[in-house]
Amino acid sequence: MKTLNTKNKWRVCLSSLALCAFMVLCEIPTYAKTSGDVPITYTKEADTTYILHVEISGLGQIETGSEELRNQKKDYELAVDEIISFNLKPDKGAEIESVELNGKNILLTNQKKVSVRGLAQEQILKIKFQSSVTDTPKTGDSTNIWTWIMLFLMSLSGSAYIWHKRRKRKNKQRK
């Protein structure tokens, strides 16, 4: 038996690699042969489900066919290609702020329904509602409150000083 030296080992390795690359690039079929006409069928694995995490926040709720969800999180199990739909219902004076699926905004203008198709991975659906009132009138003094507290304390100390002086003067007159 003849042994290969290092130089020949490299040649054999490179030629094998070149043959593999040639087969991949030329797409030489390497299918198993069968005798006769044997149909090959594929069925999806129906038992495998993946989690859809749903988070709802803000001034509104979502509805599935059987339940209503408001300001909470819930997990749903979806099979691949199974579809679940949610009706989006903002409260009075509120609107839909955002609808994100796996970190991407999927909200379209005036959209009131979201459908999610099950994928072979976990998914996260976040729905946020917000108030649609934007011009809220100011109903109070928004200046610095510490200014008013300091003014009150200075007035209180001045009143205490005057009261103390008057009391001292009255005591002096009595004696």
N, C-alpha and C. Protein backbone atom coordinates (compact mmCIF):
# COMPACT_ATOMS: atom_id res chain seq x y z
N MET A 1 0.84 -1.18 0.00
CA MET A 1 0.00 0.00 0.00
C MET A 1 0.88 1.24 0.00
N LYS A 2 0.54 2.15 -0.85
CA LYS A 2 1.35 3.35 -1.02
C LYS A 2 0.79 4.46 -0.14
N THR A 3 1.63 5.16 0.59
CA THR A 3 1.19 6.28 1.43
C THR A 3 1.37 7.57 0.66
N LEU A 4 0.49 8.52 0.96
CA LEU A 4 0.56 9.83 0.29
C LEU A 4 1.41 10.78 1.12
N ASN A 5 2.24 11.49 0.43
CA ASN A 5 2.99 12.53 1.15
C ASN A 5 2.09 13.76 1.31
N THR A 6 2.58 14.74 2.04
CA THR A 6 1.78 15.93 2.35
C THR A 6 1.34 16.67 1.09
N LYS A 7 2.22 16.75 0.11
CA LYS A 7 1.91 17.46 -1.12
C LYS A 7 0.75 16.75 -1.86
N ASN A 8 0.80 15.43 -1.91
CA ASN A 8 -0.26 14.68 -2.60
C ASN A 8 -1.57 14.72 -1.82
N LYS A 9 -1.48 14.76 -0.48
CA LYS A 9 -2.71 14.86 0.32
C LYS A 9 -3.46 16.15 -0.01
N TRP A 10 -2.72 17.23 -0.15
CA TRP A 10 -3.34 18.51 -0.49
C TRP A 10 -3.99 18.45 -1.88
N ARG A 11 -3.31 17.79 -2.82
CA ARG A 11 -3.87 17.68 -4.17
C ARG A 11 -5.18 16.89 -4.15
N VAL A 12 -5.21 15.80 -3.42
CA VAL A 12 -6.43 14.98 -3.33
C VAL A 12 -7.55 15.77 -2.67
N CYS A 13 -7.23 16.50 -1.62
CA CYS A 13 -8.22 17.30 -0.89
C CYS A 13 -8.79 18.39 -1.79
N LEU A 14 -7.92 19.10 -2.51
CA LEU A 14 -8.38 20.18 -3.39
C LEU A 14 -9.18 19.64 -4.56
N SER A 15 -8.80 18.52 -5.11
CA SER A 15 -9.56 17.97 -6.23
C SER A 15 -10.94 17.49 -5.76
N SER A 16 -11.03 16.93 -4.55
CA SER A 16 -12.34 16.54 -4.01
C SER A 16 -13.22 17.75 -3.79
N LEU A 17 -12.64 18.80 -3.27
CA LEU A 17 -13.38 20.04 -3.04
C LEU A 17 -13.85 20.63 -4.36
N ALA A 18 -13.01 20.60 -5.37
CA ALA A 18 -13.38 21.13 -6.68
C ALA A 18 -14.51 20.31 -7.29
N LEU A 19 -14.48 18.98 -7.12
CA LEU A 19 -15.55 18.13 -7.63
C LEU A 19 -16.88 18.43 -6.95
N CYS A 20 -16.86 18.62 -5.63
CA CYS A 20 -18.08 18.97 -4.89
C CYS A 20 -18.62 20.31 -5.34
N ALA A 21 -17.75 21.29 -5.51
CA ALA A 21 -18.18 22.62 -5.96
C ALA A 21 -18.78 22.53 -7.36
N PHE A 22 -18.18 21.74 -8.24
CA PHE A 22 -18.69 21.56 -9.60
C PHE A 22 -20.09 20.95 -9.57
N MET A 23 -20.29 19.94 -8.73
CA MET A 23 -21.60 19.29 -8.65
C MET A 23 -22.67 20.26 -8.13
N VAL A 24 -22.31 21.09 -7.15
CA VAL A 24 -23.27 22.06 -6.61
C VAL A 24 -23.60 23.12 -7.64
N LEU A 25 -22.56 23.64 -8.30
CA LEU A 25 -22.79 24.70 -9.28
C LEU A 25 -23.54 24.21 -10.52
N CYS A 26 -23.29 23.01 -10.93
CA CYS A 26 -23.97 22.47 -12.11
C CYS A 26 -25.28 21.80 -11.76
N GLU A 27 -25.59 21.71 -10.49
CA GLU A 27 -26.83 21.12 -10.01
C GLU A 27 -27.03 19.71 -10.56
N ILE A 28 -26.05 18.89 -10.40
CA ILE A 28 -26.17 17.50 -10.83
C ILE A 28 -27.12 16.81 -9.88
N PRO A 29 -28.20 16.27 -10.40
CA PRO A 29 -29.19 15.64 -9.52
C PRO A 29 -28.62 14.39 -8.87
N THR A 30 -28.87 14.27 -7.60
CA THR A 30 -28.43 13.09 -6.86
C THR A 30 -29.64 12.54 -6.11
N TYR A 31 -30.66 12.15 -6.84
CA TYR A 31 -31.89 11.68 -6.25
C TYR A 31 -31.82 10.16 -6.06
N ALA A 32 -32.57 9.70 -5.10
CA ALA A 32 -32.66 8.26 -4.89
C ALA A 32 -33.55 7.66 -5.97
N LYS A 33 -33.16 6.53 -6.46
CA LYS A 33 -33.94 5.87 -7.51
C LYS A 33 -34.94 4.93 -6.85
N THR A 34 -36.13 4.90 -7.42
CA THR A 34 -37.16 3.98 -6.94
C THR A 34 -37.58 3.10 -8.10
N SER A 35 -38.12 1.98 -7.76
CA SER A 35 -38.61 1.09 -8.81
C SER A 35 -40.11 1.31 -8.95
N GLY A 36 -40.55 1.64 -10.11
CA GLY A 36 -41.97 1.86 -10.34
C GLY A 36 -42.38 3.28 -10.02
N ASP A 37 -43.66 3.55 -10.13
CA ASP A 37 -44.19 4.87 -9.84
C ASP A 37 -44.63 4.92 -8.38
N VAL A 38 -43.82 5.55 -7.58
CA VAL A 38 -44.14 5.69 -6.16
C VAL A 38 -44.43 7.16 -5.90
N PRO A 39 -45.68 7.50 -5.56
CA PRO A 39 -45.98 8.91 -5.29
C PRO A 39 -45.35 9.35 -3.97
N ILE A 40 -44.84 10.55 -3.98
CA ILE A 40 -44.25 11.11 -2.76
C ILE A 40 -45.18 12.22 -2.29
N THR A 41 -45.62 12.13 -1.06
CA THR A 41 -46.52 13.14 -0.51
C THR A 41 -45.88 13.78 0.71
N TYR A 42 -46.35 14.98 0.98
CA TYR A 42 -45.85 15.74 2.14
C TYR A 42 -47.04 16.25 2.91
N THR A 43 -47.04 16.03 4.20
CA THR A 43 -48.09 16.59 5.04
C THR A 43 -47.44 17.42 6.14
N LYS A 44 -48.08 18.54 6.44
CA LYS A 44 -47.56 19.41 7.49
C LYS A 44 -47.77 18.78 8.85
N GLU A 45 -46.86 19.07 9.73
CA GLU A 45 -46.97 18.59 11.11
C GLU A 45 -48.00 19.46 11.81
N ALA A 46 -49.17 18.92 12.07
CA ALA A 46 -50.26 19.71 12.65
C ALA A 46 -50.13 19.86 14.16
N ASP A 47 -49.37 19.00 14.79
CA ASP A 47 -49.28 19.04 16.24
C ASP A 47 -48.34 20.13 16.75
N THR A 48 -47.47 20.65 15.90
CA THR A 48 -46.51 21.65 16.33
C THR A 48 -47.17 23.02 16.36
N THR A 49 -47.14 23.66 17.53
CA THR A 49 -47.69 25.01 17.65
C THR A 49 -46.61 25.94 18.19
N TYR A 50 -46.77 27.20 17.90
CA TYR A 50 -45.85 28.22 18.36
C TYR A 50 -46.65 29.30 19.07
N ILE A 51 -46.00 30.01 19.97
CA ILE A 51 -46.67 30.99 20.82
C ILE A 51 -46.75 32.36 20.13
N LEU A 52 -47.93 32.96 20.20
CA LEU A 52 -48.13 34.36 19.81
C LEU A 52 -48.39 35.12 21.10
N HIS A 53 -47.44 36.00 21.48
CA HIS A 53 -47.59 36.83 22.68
C HIS A 53 -48.32 38.11 22.27
N VAL A 54 -49.45 38.40 22.91
CA VAL A 54 -50.23 39.60 22.59
C VAL A 54 -50.21 40.51 23.81
N GLU A 55 -49.83 41.79 23.59
CA GLU A 55 -49.80 42.80 24.66
C GLU A 55 -50.68 43.97 24.25
N ILE A 56 -51.64 44.31 25.12
CA ILE A 56 -52.55 45.42 24.85
C ILE A 56 -52.34 46.47 25.93
N SER A 57 -52.21 47.75 25.52
CA SER A 57 -52.05 48.82 26.50
C SER A 57 -52.76 50.07 26.00
N GLY A 58 -53.17 50.90 26.95
CA GLY A 58 -53.79 52.17 26.60
C GLY A 58 -55.30 52.16 26.72
N LEU A 59 -55.92 53.08 26.00
CA LEU A 59 -57.35 53.34 26.10
C LEU A 59 -58.14 52.59 25.03
N GLY A 60 -58.20 51.27 25.13
CA GLY A 60 -58.95 50.50 24.16
C GLY A 60 -58.88 49.02 24.49
N GLN A 61 -59.50 48.24 23.63
CA GLN A 61 -59.52 46.80 23.83
C GLN A 61 -59.47 46.10 22.48
N ILE A 62 -59.16 44.81 22.51
CA ILE A 62 -59.23 43.99 21.30
C ILE A 62 -60.21 42.86 21.57
N GLU A 63 -60.80 42.38 20.49
CA GLU A 63 -61.76 41.29 20.61
C GLU A 63 -61.38 40.18 19.64
N THR A 64 -61.40 38.97 20.15
CA THR A 64 -61.34 37.80 19.28
C THR A 64 -62.78 37.33 19.15
N GLY A 65 -62.99 36.21 18.57
CA GLY A 65 -64.36 35.72 18.45
C GLY A 65 -65.00 35.41 19.79
N SER A 66 -64.19 35.11 20.81
CA SER A 66 -64.76 34.63 22.06
C SER A 66 -64.43 35.48 23.28
N GLU A 67 -63.53 36.46 23.17
CA GLU A 67 -63.14 37.20 24.37
C GLU A 67 -62.73 38.63 24.05
N GLU A 68 -62.73 39.46 25.12
CA GLU A 68 -62.27 40.84 25.02
C GLU A 68 -61.07 41.00 25.93
N LEU A 69 -60.05 41.69 25.45
CA LEU A 69 -58.83 41.91 26.23
C LEU A 69 -58.56 43.40 26.34
N ARG A 70 -58.22 43.85 27.55
CA ARG A 70 -57.92 45.26 27.80
C ARG A 70 -56.74 45.36 28.77
N ASN A 71 -55.70 46.12 28.39
CA ASN A 71 -54.53 46.35 29.23
C ASN A 71 -54.00 45.08 29.89
N GLN A 72 -53.67 44.12 29.07
CA GLN A 72 -53.15 42.87 29.61
C GLN A 72 -52.30 42.17 28.56
N LYS A 73 -51.70 41.06 28.97
CA LYS A 73 -50.92 40.21 28.08
C LYS A 73 -51.56 38.84 28.04
N LYS A 74 -51.53 38.23 26.87
CA LYS A 74 -52.09 36.88 26.73
C LYS A 74 -51.30 36.15 25.65
N ASP A 75 -51.14 34.84 25.84
CA ASP A 75 -50.45 34.00 24.87
C ASP A 75 -51.45 33.12 24.15
N TYR A 76 -51.26 32.99 22.84
CA TYR A 76 -52.07 32.11 22.01
C TYR A 76 -51.15 31.10 21.34
N GLU A 77 -51.63 29.88 21.17
CA GLU A 77 -50.89 28.85 20.45
C GLU A 77 -51.41 28.79 19.02
N LEU A 78 -50.49 28.95 18.07
CA LEU A 78 -50.86 28.93 16.66
C LEU A 78 -50.04 27.86 15.94
N ALA A 79 -50.68 27.10 15.09
CA ALA A 79 -49.97 26.18 14.20
C ALA A 79 -49.45 26.99 13.01
N VAL A 80 -48.52 26.43 12.29
CA VAL A 80 -47.99 27.11 11.11
C VAL A 80 -49.14 27.31 10.11
N ASP A 81 -49.26 28.52 9.58
CA ASP A 81 -50.28 28.95 8.62
C ASP A 81 -51.68 29.08 9.21
N GLU A 82 -51.85 28.86 10.49
CA GLU A 82 -53.14 29.12 11.13
C GLU A 82 -53.27 30.64 11.29
N ILE A 83 -54.47 31.17 11.14
CA ILE A 83 -54.69 32.62 11.21
C ILE A 83 -55.61 32.95 12.38
N ILE A 84 -55.22 33.98 13.14
CA ILE A 84 -56.08 34.50 14.21
C ILE A 84 -56.29 35.98 13.93
N SER A 85 -57.52 36.44 14.13
CA SER A 85 -57.86 37.84 13.86
C SER A 85 -58.30 38.54 15.13
N PHE A 86 -57.96 39.82 15.22
CA PHE A 86 -58.32 40.65 16.36
C PHE A 86 -59.02 41.90 15.84
N ASN A 87 -60.17 42.24 16.44
CA ASN A 87 -60.86 43.50 16.15
C ASN A 87 -60.35 44.53 17.14
N LEU A 88 -59.90 45.67 16.64
CA LEU A 88 -59.35 46.74 17.47
C LEU A 88 -60.46 47.73 17.79
N LYS A 89 -60.69 47.99 19.09
CA LYS A 89 -61.77 48.89 19.50
C LYS A 89 -61.23 49.93 20.48
N PRO A 90 -60.86 51.13 19.97
CA PRO A 90 -60.44 52.19 20.88
C PRO A 90 -61.64 52.70 21.69
N ASP A 91 -61.39 53.17 22.91
CA ASP A 91 -62.44 53.78 23.73
C ASP A 91 -62.87 55.10 23.10
N LYS A 92 -63.96 55.66 23.60
CA LYS A 92 -64.43 56.96 23.12
C LYS A 92 -63.37 58.00 23.44
N GLY A 93 -63.00 58.81 22.46
CA GLY A 93 -61.96 59.82 22.65
C GLY A 93 -60.55 59.26 22.55
N ALA A 94 -60.41 58.03 22.04
CA ALA A 94 -59.09 57.41 21.90
C ALA A 94 -58.90 56.94 20.46
N GLU A 95 -57.66 56.59 20.13
CA GLU A 95 -57.34 56.09 18.81
C GLU A 95 -56.23 55.05 18.93
N ILE A 96 -55.98 54.35 17.84
CA ILE A 96 -54.92 53.34 17.82
C ILE A 96 -53.60 54.06 17.60
N GLU A 97 -52.67 53.89 18.54
CA GLU A 97 -51.36 54.52 18.42
C GLU A 97 -50.44 53.69 17.53
N SER A 98 -50.33 52.39 17.83
CA SER A 98 -49.45 51.54 17.03
C SER A 98 -49.86 50.08 17.16
N VAL A 99 -49.54 49.34 16.11
CA VAL A 99 -49.70 47.88 16.10
C VAL A 99 -48.39 47.33 15.56
N GLU A 100 -47.65 46.60 16.41
CA GLU A 100 -46.36 46.06 16.02
C GLU A 100 -46.39 44.54 16.07
N LEU A 101 -45.88 43.93 15.02
CA LEU A 101 -45.72 42.48 14.98
C LEU A 101 -44.24 42.19 14.82
N ASN A 102 -43.66 41.57 15.84
CA ASN A 102 -42.23 41.25 15.86
C ASN A 102 -41.37 42.49 15.67
N GLY A 103 -41.78 43.60 16.28
CA GLY A 103 -40.99 44.84 16.24
C GLY A 103 -41.22 45.71 15.02
N LYS A 104 -42.06 45.29 14.07
CA LYS A 104 -42.33 46.08 12.87
C LYS A 104 -43.75 46.63 12.93
N ASN A 105 -43.90 47.92 12.61
CA ASN A 105 -45.21 48.55 12.62
C ASN A 105 -46.02 48.03 11.44
N ILE A 106 -47.20 47.48 11.73
CA ILE A 106 -48.06 46.94 10.67
C ILE A 106 -49.39 47.67 10.58
N LEU A 107 -49.51 48.80 11.28
CA LEU A 107 -50.78 49.53 11.29
C LEU A 107 -50.96 50.31 10.00
N LEU A 108 -52.12 50.12 9.37
CA LEU A 108 -52.48 50.89 8.20
C LEU A 108 -53.51 51.94 8.62
N THR A 109 -53.69 52.97 7.81
CA THR A 109 -54.63 54.04 8.12
C THR A 109 -56.04 53.50 8.25
N ASN A 110 -56.73 53.90 9.31
CA ASN A 110 -58.12 53.51 9.58
C ASN A 110 -58.32 51.99 9.64
N GLN A 111 -57.32 51.29 10.06
CA GLN A 111 -57.42 49.83 10.18
C GLN A 111 -58.07 49.49 11.51
N LYS A 112 -59.06 48.60 11.49
CA LYS A 112 -59.77 48.20 12.70
C LYS A 112 -59.66 46.69 12.96
N LYS A 113 -58.92 45.98 12.10
CA LYS A 113 -58.80 44.54 12.26
C LYS A 113 -57.36 44.12 11.93
N VAL A 114 -56.81 43.21 12.74
CA VAL A 114 -55.46 42.70 12.51
C VAL A 114 -55.53 41.18 12.48
N SER A 115 -54.94 40.59 11.46
CA SER A 115 -54.86 39.14 11.35
C SER A 115 -53.39 38.72 11.39
N VAL A 116 -53.10 37.67 12.15
CA VAL A 116 -51.73 37.17 12.28
C VAL A 116 -51.71 35.72 11.83
N ARG A 117 -50.77 35.41 10.95
CA ARG A 117 -50.59 34.05 10.46
C ARG A 117 -49.51 33.37 11.28
N GLY A 118 -49.76 32.16 11.71
CA GLY A 118 -48.79 31.40 12.49
C GLY A 118 -47.55 31.08 11.69
N LEU A 119 -46.40 31.32 12.28
CA LEU A 119 -45.11 30.99 11.67
C LEU A 119 -44.42 29.93 12.51
N ALA A 120 -43.33 29.41 12.01
CA ALA A 120 -42.57 28.39 12.74
C ALA A 120 -41.62 29.06 13.72
N GLN A 121 -42.14 30.02 14.48
CA GLN A 121 -41.35 30.73 15.50
C GLN A 121 -42.32 31.46 16.41
N GLU A 122 -41.83 31.85 17.59
CA GLU A 122 -42.64 32.67 18.48
C GLU A 122 -42.78 34.06 17.89
N GLN A 123 -43.93 34.70 18.14
CA GLN A 123 -44.19 36.04 17.63
C GLN A 123 -44.71 36.92 18.75
N ILE A 124 -44.52 38.23 18.60
CA ILE A 124 -45.00 39.19 19.59
C ILE A 124 -45.85 40.24 18.87
N LEU A 125 -47.09 40.40 19.32
CA LEU A 125 -48.00 41.41 18.78
C LEU A 125 -48.26 42.43 19.89
N LYS A 126 -47.90 43.70 19.65
CA LYS A 126 -48.12 44.77 20.62
C LYS A 126 -49.10 45.77 20.03
N ILE A 127 -50.17 46.04 20.77
CA ILE A 127 -51.19 46.99 20.34
C ILE A 127 -51.29 48.08 21.39
N LYS A 128 -51.13 49.35 20.96
CA LYS A 128 -51.18 50.48 21.89
C LYS A 128 -52.27 51.45 21.44
N PHE A 129 -53.08 51.86 22.40
CA PHE A 129 -54.10 52.87 22.16
C PHE A 129 -53.69 54.14 22.89
N GLN A 130 -54.13 55.30 22.38
CA GLN A 130 -53.82 56.58 23.03
C GLN A 130 -55.02 57.52 22.92
N SER A 131 -55.00 58.54 23.74
CA SER A 131 -56.06 59.54 23.70
C SER A 131 -55.96 60.32 22.39
N SER A 132 -57.10 60.60 21.78
CA SER A 132 -57.09 61.37 20.54
C SER A 132 -57.23 62.86 20.80
N VAL A 133 -57.43 63.26 22.06
CA VAL A 133 -57.52 64.67 22.41
C VAL A 133 -56.10 65.21 22.51
N THR A 134 -55.79 66.22 21.69
CA THR A 134 -54.43 66.75 21.68
C THR A 134 -54.34 68.16 22.24
N ASP A 135 -55.41 68.95 22.16
CA ASP A 135 -55.38 70.33 22.65
C ASP A 135 -56.13 70.43 23.97
N THR A 136 -55.55 69.90 25.02
CA THR A 136 -56.18 69.95 26.33
C THR A 136 -55.89 71.32 26.96
N PRO A 137 -56.93 72.05 27.39
CA PRO A 137 -56.68 73.36 27.99
C PRO A 137 -56.00 73.22 29.34
N LYS A 138 -55.11 74.17 29.66
CA LYS A 138 -54.44 74.17 30.96
C LYS A 138 -55.41 74.73 32.00
N THR A 139 -55.50 74.07 33.11
CA THR A 139 -56.49 74.45 34.12
C THR A 139 -55.86 74.93 35.41
N GLY A 140 -54.58 75.19 35.43
CA GLY A 140 -53.96 75.63 36.67
C GLY A 140 -52.67 76.38 36.41
N ASP A 141 -52.06 76.83 37.49
CA ASP A 141 -50.81 77.56 37.39
C ASP A 141 -49.68 76.57 37.19
N SER A 142 -48.95 76.73 36.11
CA SER A 142 -47.87 75.80 35.84
C SER A 142 -46.50 76.40 36.16
N THR A 143 -46.50 77.50 36.93
CA THR A 143 -45.22 78.10 37.31
C THR A 143 -44.57 77.27 38.40
N ASN A 144 -43.38 77.65 38.75
CA ASN A 144 -42.61 76.88 39.73
C ASN A 144 -43.28 76.95 41.10
N ILE A 145 -43.64 75.82 41.66
CA ILE A 145 -44.33 75.76 42.95
C ILE A 145 -43.41 76.16 44.10
N TRP A 146 -42.11 75.95 43.95
CA TRP A 146 -41.17 76.30 45.03
C TRP A 146 -41.12 77.81 45.29
N THR A 147 -41.37 78.61 44.28
CA THR A 147 -41.43 80.06 44.48
C THR A 147 -42.56 80.40 45.46
N TRP A 148 -43.72 79.79 45.25
CA TRP A 148 -44.87 80.07 46.11
C TRP A 148 -44.66 79.52 47.52
N ILE A 149 -44.00 78.38 47.65
CA ILE A 149 -43.71 77.83 48.98
C ILE A 149 -42.75 78.75 49.73
N MET A 150 -41.72 79.24 49.06
CA MET A 150 -40.76 80.14 49.72
C MET A 150 -41.44 81.46 50.13
N LEU A 151 -42.30 81.99 49.28
CA LEU A 151 -43.03 83.21 49.61
C LEU A 151 -43.92 82.99 50.84
N PHE A 152 -44.59 81.84 50.92
CA PHE A 152 -45.42 81.52 52.07
C PHE A 152 -44.58 81.43 53.35
N LEU A 153 -43.43 80.75 53.28
CA LEU A 153 -42.57 80.61 54.46
C LEU A 153 -42.02 81.96 54.92
N MET A 154 -41.65 82.82 53.97
CA MET A 154 -41.16 84.15 54.35
C MET A 154 -42.28 84.97 54.99
N SER A 155 -43.49 84.90 54.47
CA SER A 155 -44.63 85.61 55.06
C SER A 155 -44.93 85.08 56.45
N LEU A 156 -44.87 83.79 56.63
CA LEU A 156 -45.12 83.17 57.92
C LEU A 156 -44.07 83.59 58.94
N SER A 157 -42.81 83.61 58.52
CA SER A 157 -41.75 84.03 59.47
C SER A 157 -41.88 85.51 59.80
N GLY A 158 -42.28 86.36 58.85
CA GLY A 158 -42.50 87.79 59.13
C GLY A 158 -43.64 87.99 60.11
N SER A 159 -44.73 87.25 59.91
CA SER A 159 -45.86 87.33 60.83
C SER A 159 -45.47 86.87 62.22
N ALA A 160 -44.71 85.80 62.32
CA ALA A 160 -44.24 85.30 63.62
C ALA A 160 -43.35 86.33 64.30
N TYR A 161 -42.48 87.01 63.56
CA TYR A 161 -41.60 88.04 64.12
C TYR A 161 -42.42 89.21 64.69
N ILE A 162 -43.40 89.68 63.91
CA ILE A 162 -44.25 90.80 64.37
C ILE A 162 -45.03 90.38 65.61
N TRP A 163 -45.59 89.19 65.62
CA TRP A 163 -46.33 88.71 66.79
C TRP A 163 -45.42 88.65 68.01
N HIS A 164 -44.19 88.16 67.83
CA HIS A 164 -43.23 88.07 68.94
C HIS A 164 -42.88 89.46 69.47
N LYS A 165 -42.66 90.42 68.59
CA LYS A 165 -42.32 91.79 69.01
C LYS A 165 -43.48 92.43 69.79
N ARG A 166 -44.70 92.28 69.31
CA ARG A 166 -45.86 92.85 70.00
C ARG A 166 -46.04 92.23 71.38
N ARG A 167 -45.86 90.93 71.47
CA ARG A 167 -46.00 90.25 72.75
C ARG A 167 -44.93 90.74 73.73
N LYS A 168 -43.70 90.91 73.22
CA LYS A 168 -42.61 91.38 74.07
C LYS A 168 -42.90 92.81 74.55
N ARG A 169 -43.46 93.66 73.67
CA ARG A 169 -43.76 95.03 74.03
C ARG A 169 -44.87 95.09 75.08
N LYS A 170 -45.91 94.25 74.94
CA LYS A 170 -46.99 94.21 75.91
C LYS A 170 -46.47 93.76 77.28
N ASN A 171 -45.61 92.76 77.28
CA ASN A 171 -45.03 92.28 78.55
C ASN A 171 -44.18 93.36 79.21
N LYS A 172 -43.50 94.17 78.44
CA LYS A 172 -42.64 95.23 78.95
C LYS A 172 -43.51 96.35 79.56
N GLN A 173 -44.65 96.65 78.93
CA GLN A 173 -45.54 97.69 79.43
C GLN A 173 -46.22 97.28 80.72
N ARG A 174 -46.50 96.01 80.93
CA ARG A 174 -47.14 95.51 82.13
C ARG A 174 -46.22 95.64 83.33
N LYS A 175 -44.98 95.51 83.15
CA LYS A 175 -44.05 95.54 84.28
C LYS A 175 -43.81 96.87 84.78
